[in-house]
Amino acid sequence: MALRKILIYPDPFLRKKCAPVEGIDGEVLKLLDDMAETMYGARGVGLAASQIGVDKRVVVIDISPRNIEADEEEGEEEEGEEKTEYEGPGLIELINPEIISSVGQVIAEEACLSIPGFTSDVRRKRRVVIEAYNREGQLMEIEASELLARVFQHEIDHLDGVLFIDRLSRLKRELIKRKIEKVLGKEEKRYAVM
């Protein structure tokens, strides 16, 4: 496994519609492993292959709370204290994911590893059903709501070259773009001086 570089907006590759995976081979399995390591390293909940410059319809997602009491070592809980275990889905690997149905609407805050430091409220479908292949090549159907449905939609958007800022009103989108350009301008000047 290896950490991959996450592309940052406005990198043009983020606007690319990714090609379907034709066959699951060692290269795709390594990609899944690298993407999971990269997502965890960046403390994200989802990552699409396009975000690391790979033209494949591949996504990894993990919405489980990983950072609760991260410094506690196993077995160090106080006597009588119960250890909380998360019973969520854990790491989800999706190859050629597609939303096959959706219902309802909900607005909630979103962020993106490719647009660090910026968030906004985004309207999404409340519940979705997706189809995708897993690493063994088996077709899966997953029904999701709440955060998992939002992350599915966000990551599948990435595979189509769509960013969360594209789902905002024109005014909000322009305000965020100006803020991003201002921050990027400062970053470029800082690095130019070094």
N, C-alpha and C. Protein backbone atom coordinates (compact mmCIF):
# COMPACT_ATOMS: atom_id res chain seq x y z
N MET A 1 0.84 -1.18 0.00
CA MET A 1 0.00 0.00 0.00
C MET A 1 0.88 1.24 0.00
N ALA A 2 0.33 2.31 -0.56
CA ALA A 2 1.09 3.56 -0.64
C ALA A 2 0.14 4.75 -0.55
N LEU A 3 0.62 5.79 0.09
CA LEU A 3 -0.13 7.04 0.11
C LEU A 3 0.00 7.70 -1.26
N ARG A 4 -1.11 8.14 -1.79
CA ARG A 4 -1.11 8.85 -3.08
C ARG A 4 -1.37 10.32 -2.84
N LYS A 5 -0.92 11.15 -3.76
CA LYS A 5 -1.15 12.60 -3.67
C LYS A 5 -2.59 12.89 -4.07
N ILE A 6 -3.28 13.66 -3.23
CA ILE A 6 -4.66 14.06 -3.52
C ILE A 6 -4.62 15.35 -4.33
N LEU A 7 -5.28 15.34 -5.48
CA LEU A 7 -5.33 16.52 -6.33
C LEU A 7 -6.19 17.59 -5.66
N ILE A 8 -5.77 18.82 -5.81
CA ILE A 8 -6.46 19.95 -5.19
C ILE A 8 -7.08 20.82 -6.29
N TYR A 9 -8.33 21.25 -6.04
CA TYR A 9 -9.02 22.17 -6.93
C TYR A 9 -8.16 23.41 -7.12
N PRO A 10 -7.98 23.91 -8.34
CA PRO A 10 -8.74 23.67 -9.57
C PRO A 10 -8.06 22.70 -10.55
N ASP A 11 -7.34 21.69 -10.08
CA ASP A 11 -6.69 20.74 -10.99
C ASP A 11 -7.70 20.25 -12.02
N PRO A 12 -7.39 20.36 -13.32
CA PRO A 12 -8.36 19.99 -14.37
C PRO A 12 -8.74 18.51 -14.37
N PHE A 13 -7.90 17.64 -13.81
CA PHE A 13 -8.24 16.21 -13.78
C PHE A 13 -9.50 15.96 -12.95
N LEU A 14 -9.76 16.83 -11.98
CA LEU A 14 -10.96 16.68 -11.13
C LEU A 14 -12.25 16.84 -11.94
N ARG A 15 -12.15 17.41 -13.13
CA ARG A 15 -13.33 17.62 -13.99
C ARG A 15 -13.52 16.50 -15.00
N LYS A 16 -12.65 15.50 -14.95
CA LYS A 16 -12.70 14.40 -15.92
C LYS A 16 -13.74 13.36 -15.52
N LYS A 17 -14.51 12.89 -16.50
CA LYS A 17 -15.44 11.77 -16.27
C LYS A 17 -14.61 10.49 -16.39
N CYS A 18 -14.60 9.70 -15.35
CA CYS A 18 -13.74 8.51 -15.30
C CYS A 18 -14.30 7.35 -16.13
N ALA A 19 -13.38 6.56 -16.63
CA ALA A 19 -13.72 5.39 -17.45
C ALA A 19 -14.08 4.21 -16.56
N PRO A 20 -15.03 3.38 -17.01
CA PRO A 20 -15.38 2.18 -16.23
C PRO A 20 -14.20 1.20 -16.15
N VAL A 21 -14.16 0.45 -15.08
CA VAL A 21 -13.16 -0.60 -14.91
C VAL A 21 -13.62 -1.79 -15.76
N GLU A 22 -12.76 -2.27 -16.62
CA GLU A 22 -13.11 -3.38 -17.52
C GLU A 22 -12.90 -4.74 -16.88
N GLY A 23 -11.93 -4.85 -16.01
CA GLY A 23 -11.66 -6.12 -15.34
C GLY A 23 -10.94 -5.87 -14.04
N ILE A 24 -11.23 -6.67 -13.02
CA ILE A 24 -10.60 -6.49 -11.72
C ILE A 24 -9.34 -7.34 -11.68
N ASP A 25 -8.20 -6.64 -11.69
CA ASP A 25 -6.90 -7.31 -11.69
C ASP A 25 -6.06 -6.79 -10.53
N GLY A 26 -4.81 -7.19 -10.49
CA GLY A 26 -3.92 -6.76 -9.42
C GLY A 26 -3.77 -5.25 -9.34
N GLU A 27 -3.78 -4.59 -10.48
CA GLU A 27 -3.65 -3.14 -10.51
C GLU A 27 -4.84 -2.47 -9.81
N VAL A 28 -6.05 -2.98 -10.06
CA VAL A 28 -7.24 -2.41 -9.43
C VAL A 28 -7.23 -2.70 -7.92
N LEU A 29 -6.82 -3.89 -7.53
CA LEU A 29 -6.76 -4.24 -6.11
C LEU A 29 -5.74 -3.36 -5.38
N LYS A 30 -4.58 -3.11 -6.00
CA LYS A 30 -3.58 -2.21 -5.41
C LYS A 30 -4.13 -0.80 -5.32
N LEU A 31 -4.87 -0.37 -6.35
CA LEU A 31 -5.49 0.95 -6.34
C LEU A 31 -6.44 1.07 -5.14
N LEU A 32 -7.29 0.07 -4.92
CA LEU A 32 -8.20 0.08 -3.77
C LEU A 32 -7.44 0.20 -2.46
N ASP A 33 -6.36 -0.58 -2.31
CA ASP A 33 -5.57 -0.53 -1.09
C ASP A 33 -4.93 0.84 -0.89
N ASP A 34 -4.34 1.38 -1.96
CA ASP A 34 -3.70 2.70 -1.88
C ASP A 34 -4.71 3.79 -1.57
N MET A 35 -5.90 3.69 -2.18
CA MET A 35 -6.93 4.69 -1.94
C MET A 35 -7.39 4.66 -0.49
N ALA A 36 -7.56 3.48 0.07
CA ALA A 36 -7.98 3.38 1.48
C ALA A 36 -6.91 4.00 2.38
N GLU A 37 -5.66 3.67 2.14
CA GLU A 37 -4.58 4.23 2.96
C GLU A 37 -4.53 5.75 2.82
N THR A 38 -4.72 6.25 1.62
CA THR A 38 -4.70 7.69 1.36
C THR A 38 -5.87 8.38 2.06
N MET A 39 -7.07 7.79 1.96
CA MET A 39 -8.25 8.35 2.62
C MET A 39 -8.05 8.42 4.13
N TYR A 40 -7.58 7.31 4.73
CA TYR A 40 -7.36 7.30 6.17
C TYR A 40 -6.27 8.30 6.56
N GLY A 41 -5.21 8.36 5.76
CA GLY A 41 -4.12 9.29 6.04
C GLY A 41 -4.57 10.74 6.02
N ALA A 42 -5.55 11.05 5.18
CA ALA A 42 -6.07 12.42 5.07
C ALA A 42 -7.24 12.65 6.02
N ARG A 43 -7.61 11.62 6.78
CA ARG A 43 -8.75 11.67 7.72
C ARG A 43 -10.05 12.02 7.01
N GLY A 44 -10.25 11.40 5.85
CA GLY A 44 -11.47 11.60 5.09
C GLY A 44 -12.43 10.45 5.29
N VAL A 45 -13.64 10.62 4.77
CA VAL A 45 -14.64 9.55 4.83
C VAL A 45 -14.90 8.93 3.47
N GLY A 46 -14.30 9.49 2.43
CA GLY A 46 -14.48 8.94 1.09
C GLY A 46 -13.41 9.47 0.16
N LEU A 47 -13.11 8.69 -0.88
CA LEU A 47 -12.11 9.10 -1.87
C LEU A 47 -12.44 8.43 -3.19
N ALA A 48 -12.45 9.22 -4.24
CA ALA A 48 -12.66 8.70 -5.60
C ALA A 48 -11.32 8.65 -6.32
N ALA A 49 -11.17 7.70 -7.24
CA ALA A 49 -9.91 7.55 -7.96
C ALA A 49 -9.50 8.83 -8.69
N SER A 50 -10.47 9.58 -9.18
CA SER A 50 -10.15 10.82 -9.89
C SER A 50 -9.42 11.81 -8.98
N GLN A 51 -9.65 11.74 -7.68
CA GLN A 51 -9.00 12.65 -6.75
C GLN A 51 -7.51 12.37 -6.59
N ILE A 52 -7.06 11.20 -7.04
CA ILE A 52 -5.63 10.91 -7.01
C ILE A 52 -5.08 10.77 -8.44
N GLY A 53 -5.84 11.29 -9.40
CA GLY A 53 -5.36 11.33 -10.78
C GLY A 53 -5.46 10.02 -11.54
N VAL A 54 -6.38 9.15 -11.14
CA VAL A 54 -6.55 7.86 -11.81
C VAL A 54 -7.90 7.84 -12.52
N ASP A 55 -7.87 7.52 -13.79
CA ASP A 55 -9.07 7.52 -14.65
C ASP A 55 -9.80 6.17 -14.57
N LYS A 56 -10.33 5.88 -13.39
CA LYS A 56 -11.09 4.64 -13.19
C LYS A 56 -12.26 4.93 -12.26
N ARG A 57 -13.37 4.25 -12.48
CA ARG A 57 -14.56 4.43 -11.66
C ARG A 57 -14.43 3.55 -10.40
N VAL A 58 -13.64 4.05 -9.45
CA VAL A 58 -13.35 3.33 -8.22
C VAL A 58 -13.49 4.32 -7.05
N VAL A 59 -14.13 3.85 -5.97
CA VAL A 59 -14.37 4.68 -4.80
C VAL A 59 -14.11 3.86 -3.54
N VAL A 60 -13.58 4.51 -2.50
CA VAL A 60 -13.52 3.89 -1.17
C VAL A 60 -14.21 4.83 -0.19
N ILE A 61 -14.90 4.24 0.79
CA ILE A 61 -15.67 5.00 1.77
C ILE A 61 -15.57 4.31 3.12
N ASP A 62 -15.45 5.11 4.18
CA ASP A 62 -15.54 4.59 5.53
C ASP A 62 -16.05 5.72 6.42
N ILE A 63 -17.31 5.61 6.85
CA ILE A 63 -17.90 6.66 7.68
C ILE A 63 -17.84 6.34 9.17
N SER A 64 -17.15 5.26 9.54
CA SER A 64 -17.08 4.90 10.96
C SER A 64 -16.20 5.91 11.71
N PRO A 65 -16.56 6.19 12.96
CA PRO A 65 -15.76 7.15 13.74
C PRO A 65 -14.44 6.51 14.15
N ARG A 66 -13.35 6.89 13.50
CA ARG A 66 -12.04 6.29 13.76
C ARG A 66 -11.23 7.03 14.80
N ASN A 67 -11.58 8.26 15.09
CA ASN A 67 -10.67 9.08 15.87
C ASN A 67 -11.12 9.32 17.31
N ILE A 68 -12.08 8.53 17.78
CA ILE A 68 -12.55 8.68 19.16
C ILE A 68 -11.52 8.06 20.08
N GLU A 69 -11.02 8.86 20.99
CA GLU A 69 -10.03 8.38 21.95
C GLU A 69 -8.90 7.63 21.24
N ALA A 70 -8.38 8.23 20.17
CA ALA A 70 -7.35 7.59 19.35
C ALA A 70 -6.07 7.31 20.14
N ASP A 71 -5.82 8.10 21.17
CA ASP A 71 -4.58 7.92 21.92
C ASP A 71 -4.66 6.81 22.96
N GLU A 72 -5.89 6.35 23.25
CA GLU A 72 -6.03 5.27 24.23
C GLU A 72 -5.51 3.97 23.64
N GLU A 73 -4.72 3.27 24.43
CA GLU A 73 -4.25 1.97 23.96
C GLU A 73 -5.26 0.92 24.37
N GLU A 74 -5.30 -0.17 23.61
CA GLU A 74 -6.24 -1.24 23.91
C GLU A 74 -5.99 -1.78 25.31
N GLY A 75 -7.06 -2.05 26.03
CA GLY A 75 -6.95 -2.65 27.35
C GLY A 75 -6.72 -1.66 28.47
N GLU A 76 -6.71 -0.35 28.18
CA GLU A 76 -6.44 0.63 29.20
C GLU A 76 -7.70 1.29 29.76
N GLU A 77 -8.88 0.78 29.41
CA GLU A 77 -10.07 1.43 29.94
C GLU A 77 -10.19 1.17 31.44
N GLU A 78 -10.81 2.12 32.11
CA GLU A 78 -10.99 2.02 33.56
C GLU A 78 -11.84 0.79 33.90
N GLU A 79 -11.64 0.27 35.10
CA GLU A 79 -12.42 -0.89 35.53
C GLU A 79 -13.90 -0.52 35.57
N GLY A 80 -14.74 -1.38 35.05
CA GLY A 80 -16.17 -1.14 35.02
C GLY A 80 -16.62 -0.31 33.81
N GLU A 81 -15.66 0.24 33.06
CA GLU A 81 -15.97 1.05 31.90
C GLU A 81 -16.09 0.13 30.68
N GLU A 82 -17.14 0.32 29.91
CA GLU A 82 -17.31 -0.50 28.72
C GLU A 82 -16.66 0.15 27.52
N LYS A 83 -16.05 -0.65 26.69
CA LYS A 83 -15.45 -0.15 25.46
C LYS A 83 -16.54 -0.03 24.41
N THR A 84 -16.65 1.14 23.77
CA THR A 84 -17.68 1.35 22.75
C THR A 84 -17.18 0.79 21.42
N GLU A 85 -17.99 -0.02 20.80
CA GLU A 85 -17.63 -0.58 19.50
C GLU A 85 -18.59 -0.07 18.46
N TYR A 86 -18.06 0.26 17.30
CA TYR A 86 -18.88 0.75 16.20
C TYR A 86 -19.34 -0.42 15.36
N GLU A 87 -20.62 -0.48 15.09
CA GLU A 87 -21.16 -1.59 14.31
C GLU A 87 -21.54 -1.19 12.90
N GLY A 88 -20.88 -0.15 12.38
CA GLY A 88 -21.16 0.33 11.03
C GLY A 88 -20.52 -0.55 9.98
N PRO A 89 -20.62 -0.14 8.73
CA PRO A 89 -20.15 -0.98 7.64
C PRO A 89 -18.64 -1.04 7.48
N GLY A 90 -17.88 -0.14 8.10
CA GLY A 90 -16.43 -0.13 7.93
C GLY A 90 -16.07 0.29 6.52
N LEU A 91 -14.94 -0.21 6.03
CA LEU A 91 -14.46 0.16 4.69
C LEU A 91 -15.36 -0.42 3.61
N ILE A 92 -15.81 0.44 2.72
CA ILE A 92 -16.62 0.02 1.57
C ILE A 92 -15.83 0.34 0.31
N GLU A 93 -15.59 -0.67 -0.51
CA GLU A 93 -14.86 -0.50 -1.77
C GLU A 93 -15.85 -0.70 -2.91
N LEU A 94 -15.90 0.27 -3.82
CA LEU A 94 -16.87 0.23 -4.91
C LEU A 94 -16.16 0.36 -6.26
N ILE A 95 -16.49 -0.55 -7.14
CA ILE A 95 -15.96 -0.52 -8.50
C ILE A 95 -17.15 -0.33 -9.44
N ASN A 96 -17.07 0.68 -10.30
CA ASN A 96 -18.15 1.04 -11.23
C ASN A 96 -19.48 1.29 -10.52
N PRO A 97 -19.46 2.14 -9.46
CA PRO A 97 -20.71 2.40 -8.73
C PRO A 97 -21.70 3.22 -9.55
N GLU A 98 -22.98 2.92 -9.36
CA GLU A 98 -24.06 3.64 -10.03
C GLU A 98 -25.21 3.82 -9.05
N ILE A 99 -25.81 4.99 -9.05
CA ILE A 99 -27.03 5.19 -8.26
C ILE A 99 -28.18 4.69 -9.11
N ILE A 100 -28.93 3.71 -8.60
CA ILE A 100 -30.03 3.15 -9.40
C ILE A 100 -31.39 3.67 -8.96
N SER A 101 -31.47 4.22 -7.74
CA SER A 101 -32.70 4.88 -7.33
C SER A 101 -32.41 5.82 -6.17
N SER A 102 -33.26 6.82 -6.00
CA SER A 102 -33.08 7.78 -4.93
C SER A 102 -34.43 8.40 -4.58
N VAL A 103 -34.57 8.82 -3.32
CA VAL A 103 -35.81 9.48 -2.88
C VAL A 103 -35.49 10.57 -1.87
N GLY A 104 -36.40 11.52 -1.77
CA GLY A 104 -36.31 12.57 -0.77
C GLY A 104 -35.19 13.55 -1.03
N GLN A 105 -35.15 14.56 -0.17
CA GLN A 105 -34.09 15.55 -0.24
C GLN A 105 -33.71 15.98 1.16
N VAL A 106 -32.45 16.33 1.31
CA VAL A 106 -31.95 16.81 2.58
C VAL A 106 -30.77 17.75 2.30
N ILE A 107 -30.64 18.76 3.14
CA ILE A 107 -29.52 19.70 3.02
C ILE A 107 -28.63 19.51 4.24
N ALA A 108 -27.33 19.34 3.98
CA ALA A 108 -26.36 19.19 5.07
C ALA A 108 -25.00 19.69 4.60
N GLU A 109 -24.13 19.91 5.57
CA GLU A 109 -22.80 20.43 5.27
C GLU A 109 -21.92 19.36 4.64
N GLU A 110 -21.14 19.77 3.65
CA GLU A 110 -20.18 18.89 3.00
C GLU A 110 -18.82 19.56 2.93
N ALA A 111 -17.81 18.72 2.88
CA ALA A 111 -16.44 19.15 2.68
C ALA A 111 -15.83 18.19 1.67
N CYS A 112 -14.60 18.47 1.26
CA CYS A 112 -13.97 17.63 0.25
C CYS A 112 -12.45 17.65 0.43
N LEU A 113 -11.83 16.49 0.33
CA LEU A 113 -10.37 16.41 0.45
C LEU A 113 -9.67 17.20 -0.67
N SER A 114 -10.34 17.38 -1.80
CA SER A 114 -9.76 18.13 -2.91
C SER A 114 -10.01 19.63 -2.83
N ILE A 115 -10.82 20.05 -1.85
CA ILE A 115 -11.06 21.48 -1.61
C ILE A 115 -10.89 21.71 -0.11
N PRO A 116 -9.66 21.53 0.40
CA PRO A 116 -9.45 21.57 1.85
C PRO A 116 -9.76 22.93 2.46
N GLY A 117 -10.39 22.87 3.62
CA GLY A 117 -10.66 24.09 4.36
C GLY A 117 -11.97 24.78 4.01
N PHE A 118 -12.73 24.22 3.09
CA PHE A 118 -13.98 24.85 2.67
C PHE A 118 -15.14 23.88 2.84
N THR A 119 -16.25 24.39 3.36
CA THR A 119 -17.46 23.59 3.51
C THR A 119 -18.65 24.42 3.07
N SER A 120 -19.73 23.74 2.76
CA SER A 120 -20.98 24.43 2.45
C SER A 120 -22.13 23.45 2.57
N ASP A 121 -23.32 23.98 2.78
CA ASP A 121 -24.52 23.14 2.80
C ASP A 121 -24.87 22.76 1.36
N VAL A 122 -25.14 21.48 1.16
CA VAL A 122 -25.43 20.95 -0.18
C VAL A 122 -26.71 20.13 -0.11
N ARG A 123 -27.57 20.31 -1.12
CA ARG A 123 -28.80 19.53 -1.22
C ARG A 123 -28.48 18.20 -1.91
N ARG A 124 -28.89 17.11 -1.26
CA ARG A 124 -28.68 15.76 -1.80
C ARG A 124 -29.96 14.96 -1.62
N LYS A 125 -29.99 13.79 -2.25
CA LYS A 125 -31.09 12.85 -2.03
C LYS A 125 -30.94 12.26 -0.63
N ARG A 126 -32.06 12.06 0.03
CA ARG A 126 -32.05 11.54 1.40
C ARG A 126 -31.65 10.06 1.45
N ARG A 127 -32.15 9.29 0.50
CA ARG A 127 -31.90 7.85 0.48
C ARG A 127 -31.53 7.45 -0.94
N VAL A 128 -30.53 6.58 -1.08
CA VAL A 128 -30.14 6.10 -2.40
C VAL A 128 -29.94 4.58 -2.37
N VAL A 129 -30.06 4.00 -3.52
CA VAL A 129 -29.68 2.60 -3.71
C VAL A 129 -28.61 2.62 -4.80
N ILE A 130 -27.49 1.98 -4.51
CA ILE A 130 -26.42 1.93 -5.50
C ILE A 130 -26.12 0.48 -5.86
N GLU A 131 -25.58 0.34 -7.06
CA GLU A 131 -25.03 -0.95 -7.51
C GLU A 131 -23.56 -0.73 -7.80
N ALA A 132 -22.74 -1.70 -7.41
CA ALA A 132 -21.31 -1.63 -7.67
C ALA A 132 -20.73 -3.03 -7.52
N TYR A 133 -19.53 -3.19 -8.03
CA TYR A 133 -18.80 -4.45 -7.85
C TYR A 133 -17.84 -4.30 -6.69
N ASN A 134 -17.64 -5.40 -5.94
CA ASN A 134 -16.64 -5.39 -4.88
C ASN A 134 -15.32 -5.91 -5.44
N ARG A 135 -14.31 -6.01 -4.61
CA ARG A 135 -12.98 -6.43 -5.09
C ARG A 135 -12.96 -7.87 -5.59
N GLU A 136 -13.95 -8.68 -5.21
CA GLU A 136 -14.03 -10.06 -5.71
C GLU A 136 -14.79 -10.14 -7.03
N GLY A 137 -15.29 -9.01 -7.51
CA GLY A 137 -16.03 -8.99 -8.77
C GLY A 137 -17.50 -9.32 -8.62
N GLN A 138 -18.00 -9.34 -7.39
CA GLN A 138 -19.42 -9.63 -7.15
C GLN A 138 -20.21 -8.33 -7.21
N LEU A 139 -21.37 -8.39 -7.90
CA LEU A 139 -22.25 -7.23 -7.98
C LEU A 139 -23.00 -7.09 -6.67
N MET A 140 -22.95 -5.88 -6.08
CA MET A 140 -23.62 -5.62 -4.81
C MET A 140 -24.69 -4.56 -5.03
N GLU A 141 -25.70 -4.60 -4.20
CA GLU A 141 -26.69 -3.53 -4.16
C GLU A 141 -26.73 -3.06 -2.71
N ILE A 142 -26.54 -1.75 -2.52
CA ILE A 142 -26.50 -1.20 -1.17
C ILE A 142 -27.52 -0.07 -1.07
N GLU A 143 -28.37 -0.15 -0.05
CA GLU A 143 -29.31 0.93 0.23
C GLU A 143 -28.72 1.76 1.36
N ALA A 144 -28.75 3.08 1.20
CA ALA A 144 -28.13 3.95 2.20
C ALA A 144 -28.98 5.19 2.44
N SER A 145 -28.86 5.71 3.66
CA SER A 145 -29.52 6.97 4.00
C SER A 145 -28.54 7.78 4.83
N GLU A 146 -28.96 8.99 5.17
CA GLU A 146 -28.16 9.87 6.03
C GLU A 146 -26.75 10.09 5.46
N LEU A 147 -25.73 10.00 6.33
CA LEU A 147 -24.36 10.32 5.92
C LEU A 147 -23.86 9.39 4.82
N LEU A 148 -24.14 8.10 4.92
CA LEU A 148 -23.64 7.16 3.91
C LEU A 148 -24.22 7.49 2.54
N ALA A 149 -25.50 7.82 2.46
CA ALA A 149 -26.10 8.21 1.17
C ALA A 149 -25.43 9.46 0.62
N ARG A 150 -25.15 10.41 1.49
CA ARG A 150 -24.48 11.66 1.07
C ARG A 150 -23.09 11.37 0.52
N VAL A 151 -22.33 10.53 1.22
CA VAL A 151 -20.96 10.22 0.78
C VAL A 151 -20.99 9.45 -0.55
N PHE A 152 -21.92 8.50 -0.70
CA PHE A 152 -22.05 7.81 -1.99
C PHE A 152 -22.25 8.83 -3.11
N GLN A 153 -23.18 9.75 -2.92
CA GLN A 153 -23.48 10.74 -3.95
C GLN A 153 -22.28 11.65 -4.23
N HIS A 154 -21.61 12.09 -3.18
CA HIS A 154 -20.45 12.97 -3.31
C HIS A 154 -19.34 12.28 -4.11
N GLU A 155 -19.03 11.03 -3.76
CA GLU A 155 -17.93 10.32 -4.43
C GLU A 155 -18.28 9.93 -5.86
N ILE A 156 -19.52 9.53 -6.10
CA ILE A 156 -19.92 9.20 -7.48
C ILE A 156 -19.91 10.46 -8.33
N ASP A 157 -20.27 11.60 -7.75
CA ASP A 157 -20.12 12.87 -8.47
C ASP A 157 -18.68 13.07 -8.93
N HIS A 158 -17.72 12.78 -8.05
CA HIS A 158 -16.30 12.93 -8.42
C HIS A 158 -15.99 12.11 -9.68
N LEU A 159 -16.53 10.91 -9.76
CA LEU A 159 -16.26 10.06 -10.92
C LEU A 159 -16.81 10.65 -12.21
N ASP A 160 -17.79 11.56 -12.07
CA ASP A 160 -18.38 12.24 -13.23
C ASP A 160 -17.82 13.65 -13.43
N GLY A 161 -16.77 14.00 -12.68
CA GLY A 161 -16.15 15.31 -12.82
C GLY A 161 -16.92 16.43 -12.16
N VAL A 162 -17.77 16.09 -11.18
CA VAL A 162 -18.60 17.08 -10.49
C VAL A 162 -18.09 17.24 -9.06
N LEU A 163 -17.93 18.50 -8.62
CA LEU A 163 -17.50 18.80 -7.27
C LEU A 163 -18.69 19.33 -6.46
N PHE A 164 -18.59 19.26 -5.13
CA PHE A 164 -19.73 19.71 -4.32
C PHE A 164 -20.05 21.18 -4.57
N ILE A 165 -19.06 21.99 -4.92
CA ILE A 165 -19.33 23.40 -5.18
C ILE A 165 -20.20 23.60 -6.42
N ASP A 166 -20.22 22.61 -7.32
CA ASP A 166 -21.07 22.69 -8.51
C ASP A 166 -22.55 22.54 -8.16
N ARG A 167 -22.83 22.04 -6.98
CA ARG A 167 -24.22 21.81 -6.54
C ARG A 167 -24.76 22.99 -5.75
N LEU A 168 -23.97 24.06 -5.63
CA LEU A 168 -24.39 25.25 -4.90
C LEU A 168 -25.05 26.25 -5.85
N SER A 169 -25.74 27.21 -5.27
CA SER A 169 -26.29 28.29 -6.09
C SER A 169 -25.11 29.04 -6.73
N ARG A 170 -25.38 29.73 -7.81
CA ARG A 170 -24.31 30.44 -8.52
C ARG A 170 -23.61 31.42 -7.58
N LEU A 171 -24.37 32.14 -6.77
CA LEU A 171 -23.79 33.13 -5.85
C LEU A 171 -22.86 32.47 -4.85
N LYS A 172 -23.33 31.40 -4.18
CA LYS A 172 -22.49 30.69 -3.21
C LYS A 172 -21.25 30.11 -3.87
N ARG A 173 -21.43 29.53 -5.06
CA ARG A 173 -20.31 28.92 -5.79
C ARG A 173 -19.25 29.98 -6.10
N GLU A 174 -19.67 31.14 -6.56
CA GLU A 174 -18.72 32.20 -6.90
C GLU A 174 -18.00 32.72 -5.66
N LEU A 175 -18.72 32.84 -4.54
CA LEU A 175 -18.08 33.29 -3.30
C LEU A 175 -17.00 32.30 -2.85
N ILE A 176 -17.33 31.01 -2.89
CA ILE A 176 -16.34 30.00 -2.50
C ILE A 176 -15.16 29.99 -3.46
N LYS A 177 -15.44 30.09 -4.76
CA LYS A 177 -14.34 30.10 -5.74
C LYS A 177 -13.40 31.28 -5.48
N ARG A 178 -13.97 32.46 -5.18
CA ARG A 178 -13.12 33.64 -4.89
C ARG A 178 -12.28 33.40 -3.64
N LYS A 179 -12.88 32.81 -2.61
CA LYS A 179 -12.14 32.52 -1.38
C LYS A 179 -11.01 31.53 -1.66
N ILE A 180 -11.33 30.51 -2.46
CA ILE A 180 -10.31 29.51 -2.81
C ILE A 180 -9.16 30.17 -3.57
N GLU A 181 -9.49 31.00 -4.55
CA GLU A 181 -8.46 31.68 -5.34
C GLU A 181 -7.60 32.58 -4.45
N LYS A 182 -8.24 33.24 -3.48
CA LYS A 182 -7.51 34.11 -2.56
C LYS A 182 -6.53 33.28 -1.73
N VAL A 183 -7.00 32.16 -1.19
CA VAL A 183 -6.14 31.28 -0.39
C VAL A 183 -5.03 30.69 -1.26
N LEU A 184 -5.38 30.21 -2.46
CA LEU A 184 -4.37 29.64 -3.36
C LEU A 184 -3.34 30.68 -3.75
N GLY A 185 -3.78 31.91 -3.97
CA GLY A 185 -2.85 32.99 -4.31
C GLY A 185 -1.85 33.21 -3.20
N LYS A 186 -2.32 33.20 -1.94
CA LYS A 186 -1.42 33.37 -0.80
C LYS A 186 -0.46 32.19 -0.69
N GLU A 187 -0.99 30.98 -0.92
CA GLU A 187 -0.14 29.78 -0.85
C GLU A 187 0.96 29.86 -1.90
N GLU A 188 0.58 30.22 -3.15
CA GLU A 188 1.57 30.28 -4.23
C GLU A 188 2.64 31.32 -3.92
N LYS A 189 2.24 32.49 -3.39
CA LYS A 189 3.21 33.52 -3.03
C LYS A 189 4.14 33.03 -1.94
N ARG A 190 3.58 32.32 -0.94
CA ARG A 190 4.38 31.82 0.16
C ARG A 190 5.43 30.84 -0.36
N TYR A 191 5.02 29.94 -1.25
CA TYR A 191 5.97 28.96 -1.78
C TYR A 191 6.97 29.61 -2.73
N ALA A 192 6.57 30.66 -3.42
CA ALA A 192 7.47 31.35 -4.35
C ALA A 192 8.61 32.04 -3.58
N VAL A 193 8.30 32.51 -2.37
CA VAL A 193 9.29 33.20 -1.55
C VAL A 193 10.31 32.22 -0.99
N MET A 194 9.89 31.00 -0.69
CA MET A 194 10.77 30.01 -0.05
C MET A 194 11.91 29.59 -0.92
